[in-house]
């Protein structure tokens, strides 16, 4: 069973990439909170060169 699925859509190139994992990713860590997992994901997306604009007023991501 899939434990993690990441889909990246590139608007300019109209392309979709998918990454799947089947091993336990975060289930064995009792110290991680959902916002920690989000921050890890956000940093990963920034490193890969995908652009995400932040709404400064609400601090929500705009995709």
N, C-alpha and C. Protein backbone atom coordinates (compact mmCIF):
# COMPACT_ATOMS: atom_id res chain seq x y z
N UNK A 1 0.84 -1.17 0.00
CA UNK A 1 0.00 0.00 0.00
C UNK A 1 0.89 1.25 0.00
N UNK A 2 0.52 2.23 -0.77
CA UNK A 2 1.27 3.47 -0.85
C UNK A 2 1.17 4.23 0.46
N UNK A 3 2.32 4.69 1.00
CA UNK A 3 2.32 5.46 2.23
C UNK A 3 2.55 6.94 1.98
N UNK A 4 3.10 7.28 0.82
CA UNK A 4 3.32 8.68 0.48
C UNK A 4 3.22 8.84 -1.03
N UNK A 5 2.50 9.87 -1.45
CA UNK A 5 2.35 10.17 -2.87
C UNK A 5 2.56 11.67 -3.04
N UNK A 6 3.49 12.03 -3.93
CA UNK A 6 3.76 13.44 -4.22
C UNK A 6 3.54 13.67 -5.70
N UNK A 7 2.70 14.63 -6.02
CA UNK A 7 2.44 15.00 -7.40
C UNK A 7 2.89 16.44 -7.61
N UNK A 8 3.68 16.65 -8.64
CA UNK A 8 4.18 17.98 -8.97
C UNK A 8 3.69 18.34 -10.36
N UNK A 9 2.91 19.41 -10.44
CA UNK A 9 2.38 19.89 -11.72
C UNK A 9 3.12 21.14 -12.12
N UNK A 10 3.71 21.14 -13.31
CA UNK A 10 4.40 22.29 -13.85
C UNK A 10 3.47 22.97 -14.84
N UNK A 11 2.99 24.14 -14.48
CA UNK A 11 2.01 24.86 -15.29
C UNK A 11 2.60 25.27 -16.63
N UNK A 12 3.83 25.78 -16.61
CA UNK A 12 4.43 26.27 -17.85
C UNK A 12 4.64 25.16 -18.87
N UNK A 13 5.01 23.97 -18.41
CA UNK A 13 5.28 22.86 -19.32
C UNK A 13 4.09 21.91 -19.44
N UNK A 14 3.04 22.17 -18.67
CA UNK A 14 1.85 21.32 -18.66
C UNK A 14 2.24 19.85 -18.42
N UNK A 15 3.10 19.64 -17.40
CA UNK A 15 3.56 18.29 -17.12
C UNK A 15 3.28 17.93 -15.66
N UNK A 16 3.12 16.66 -15.43
CA UNK A 16 2.84 16.14 -14.10
C UNK A 16 3.83 15.04 -13.78
N UNK A 17 4.48 15.14 -12.61
CA UNK A 17 5.41 14.11 -12.14
C UNK A 17 4.85 13.52 -10.86
N UNK A 18 4.98 12.22 -10.72
CA UNK A 18 4.51 11.56 -9.52
C UNK A 18 5.62 10.76 -8.86
N UNK A 19 5.69 10.84 -7.54
CA UNK A 19 6.63 10.04 -6.76
C UNK A 19 5.83 9.28 -5.72
N UNK A 20 6.12 8.00 -5.58
CA UNK A 20 5.39 7.13 -4.66
C UNK A 20 6.37 6.43 -3.73
N UNK A 21 5.95 6.23 -2.49
CA UNK A 21 6.75 5.47 -1.53
C UNK A 21 5.85 4.44 -0.87
N UNK A 22 6.47 3.32 -0.54
CA UNK A 22 5.72 2.23 0.07
C UNK A 22 6.21 1.90 1.48
N UNK A 23 7.33 2.51 1.87
CA UNK A 23 7.84 2.27 3.22
C UNK A 23 7.22 3.28 4.18
N UNK A 24 7.33 3.04 5.50
CA UNK A 24 6.81 3.98 6.48
C UNK A 24 7.67 5.23 6.46
N UNK A 25 7.02 6.38 6.31
CA UNK A 25 7.75 7.62 6.18
C UNK A 25 7.77 8.38 7.50
N UNK A 26 6.62 8.69 8.03
CA UNK A 26 6.53 9.48 9.25
C UNK A 26 5.82 8.76 10.39
N UNK A 27 5.30 7.59 10.16
CA UNK A 27 4.49 6.89 11.17
C UNK A 27 5.27 6.50 12.41
N UNK A 28 6.57 6.29 12.27
CA UNK A 28 7.37 5.83 13.40
C UNK A 28 7.96 6.96 14.23
N UNK A 29 7.65 8.20 13.91
CA UNK A 29 8.20 9.34 14.63
C UNK A 29 7.10 10.05 15.40
N UNK A 30 7.13 9.92 16.71
CA UNK A 30 6.08 10.51 17.54
C UNK A 30 6.30 12.00 17.80
N UNK A 31 7.50 12.51 17.48
CA UNK A 31 7.81 13.91 17.75
C UNK A 31 7.41 14.85 16.62
N UNK A 32 7.18 14.32 15.42
CA UNK A 32 6.82 15.17 14.28
C UNK A 32 5.36 15.56 14.34
N UNK A 33 5.11 16.83 14.11
CA UNK A 33 3.75 17.36 14.01
C UNK A 33 3.42 17.60 12.55
N UNK A 34 2.15 17.72 12.21
CA UNK A 34 1.79 17.96 10.80
C UNK A 34 2.47 19.17 10.19
N UNK A 35 2.65 20.25 10.96
CA UNK A 35 3.32 21.42 10.38
C UNK A 35 4.80 21.15 10.13
N UNK A 36 5.44 20.27 10.90
CA UNK A 36 6.82 19.88 10.63
C UNK A 36 6.91 19.16 9.29
N UNK A 37 5.99 18.25 9.06
CA UNK A 37 5.97 17.50 7.80
C UNK A 37 5.73 18.44 6.63
N UNK A 38 4.83 19.40 6.80
CA UNK A 38 4.59 20.39 5.76
C UNK A 38 5.86 21.19 5.47
N UNK A 39 6.56 21.62 6.51
CA UNK A 39 7.78 22.40 6.32
C UNK A 39 8.86 21.60 5.59
N UNK A 40 9.00 20.31 5.91
CA UNK A 40 9.93 19.45 5.18
C UNK A 40 9.56 19.40 3.71
N UNK A 41 8.27 19.23 3.45
CA UNK A 41 7.80 19.16 2.06
C UNK A 41 8.06 20.49 1.34
N UNK A 42 7.75 21.60 2.00
CA UNK A 42 7.90 22.92 1.40
C UNK A 42 9.36 23.17 1.03
N UNK A 43 10.30 22.82 1.92
CA UNK A 43 11.72 23.01 1.63
C UNK A 43 12.16 22.12 0.47
N UNK A 44 11.63 20.91 0.41
CA UNK A 44 11.96 20.00 -0.69
C UNK A 44 11.50 20.57 -2.03
N UNK A 45 10.31 21.14 -2.08
CA UNK A 45 9.77 21.71 -3.30
C UNK A 45 10.60 22.92 -3.73
N UNK A 46 11.01 23.75 -2.77
CA UNK A 46 11.84 24.90 -3.11
C UNK A 46 13.17 24.47 -3.69
N UNK A 47 13.79 23.41 -3.14
CA UNK A 47 15.07 22.92 -3.64
C UNK A 47 14.95 22.38 -5.05
N UNK A 48 13.82 21.80 -5.37
CA UNK A 48 13.62 21.22 -6.70
C UNK A 48 13.32 22.28 -7.75
N UNK A 49 13.16 23.52 -7.34
CA UNK A 49 12.98 24.61 -8.29
C UNK A 49 11.54 24.95 -8.61
N UNK A 50 10.60 24.32 -7.94
CA UNK A 50 9.21 24.68 -8.15
C UNK A 50 8.94 25.98 -7.41
N UNK A 51 8.18 26.85 -8.03
CA UNK A 51 7.91 28.15 -7.43
C UNK A 51 6.56 28.11 -6.73
N UNK A 52 6.57 28.49 -5.48
CA UNK A 52 5.33 28.60 -4.71
C UNK A 52 5.29 30.01 -4.15
N UNK A 53 4.24 30.72 -4.45
CA UNK A 53 4.10 32.07 -3.93
C UNK A 53 3.36 32.00 -2.61
N UNK A 54 3.79 32.80 -1.66
CA UNK A 54 3.15 32.85 -0.35
C UNK A 54 2.25 34.08 -0.28
N UNK A 55 1.08 33.90 0.31
CA UNK A 55 0.19 35.02 0.56
C UNK A 55 0.64 35.64 1.87
N UNK A 56 1.24 36.81 1.82
CA UNK A 56 1.83 37.42 3.01
C UNK A 56 0.79 37.75 4.08
N UNK A 57 -0.42 38.05 3.68
CA UNK A 57 -1.45 38.43 4.64
C UNK A 57 -1.94 37.24 5.44
N UNK A 58 -2.12 36.09 4.80
CA UNK A 58 -2.64 34.92 5.50
C UNK A 58 -1.60 33.85 5.68
N UNK A 59 -0.41 33.99 5.06
CA UNK A 59 0.68 33.03 5.11
C UNK A 59 0.25 31.67 4.60
N UNK A 60 -0.63 31.66 3.60
CA UNK A 60 -1.06 30.41 2.97
C UNK A 60 -0.39 30.31 1.60
N UNK A 61 -0.10 29.11 1.19
CA UNK A 61 0.51 28.89 -0.11
C UNK A 61 -0.50 29.05 -1.23
N UNK A 62 -0.08 29.66 -2.31
CA UNK A 62 -0.91 29.80 -3.50
C UNK A 62 -0.30 28.95 -4.59
N UNK A 63 -1.08 28.07 -5.18
CA UNK A 63 -0.54 27.14 -6.19
C UNK A 63 -1.18 27.40 -7.52
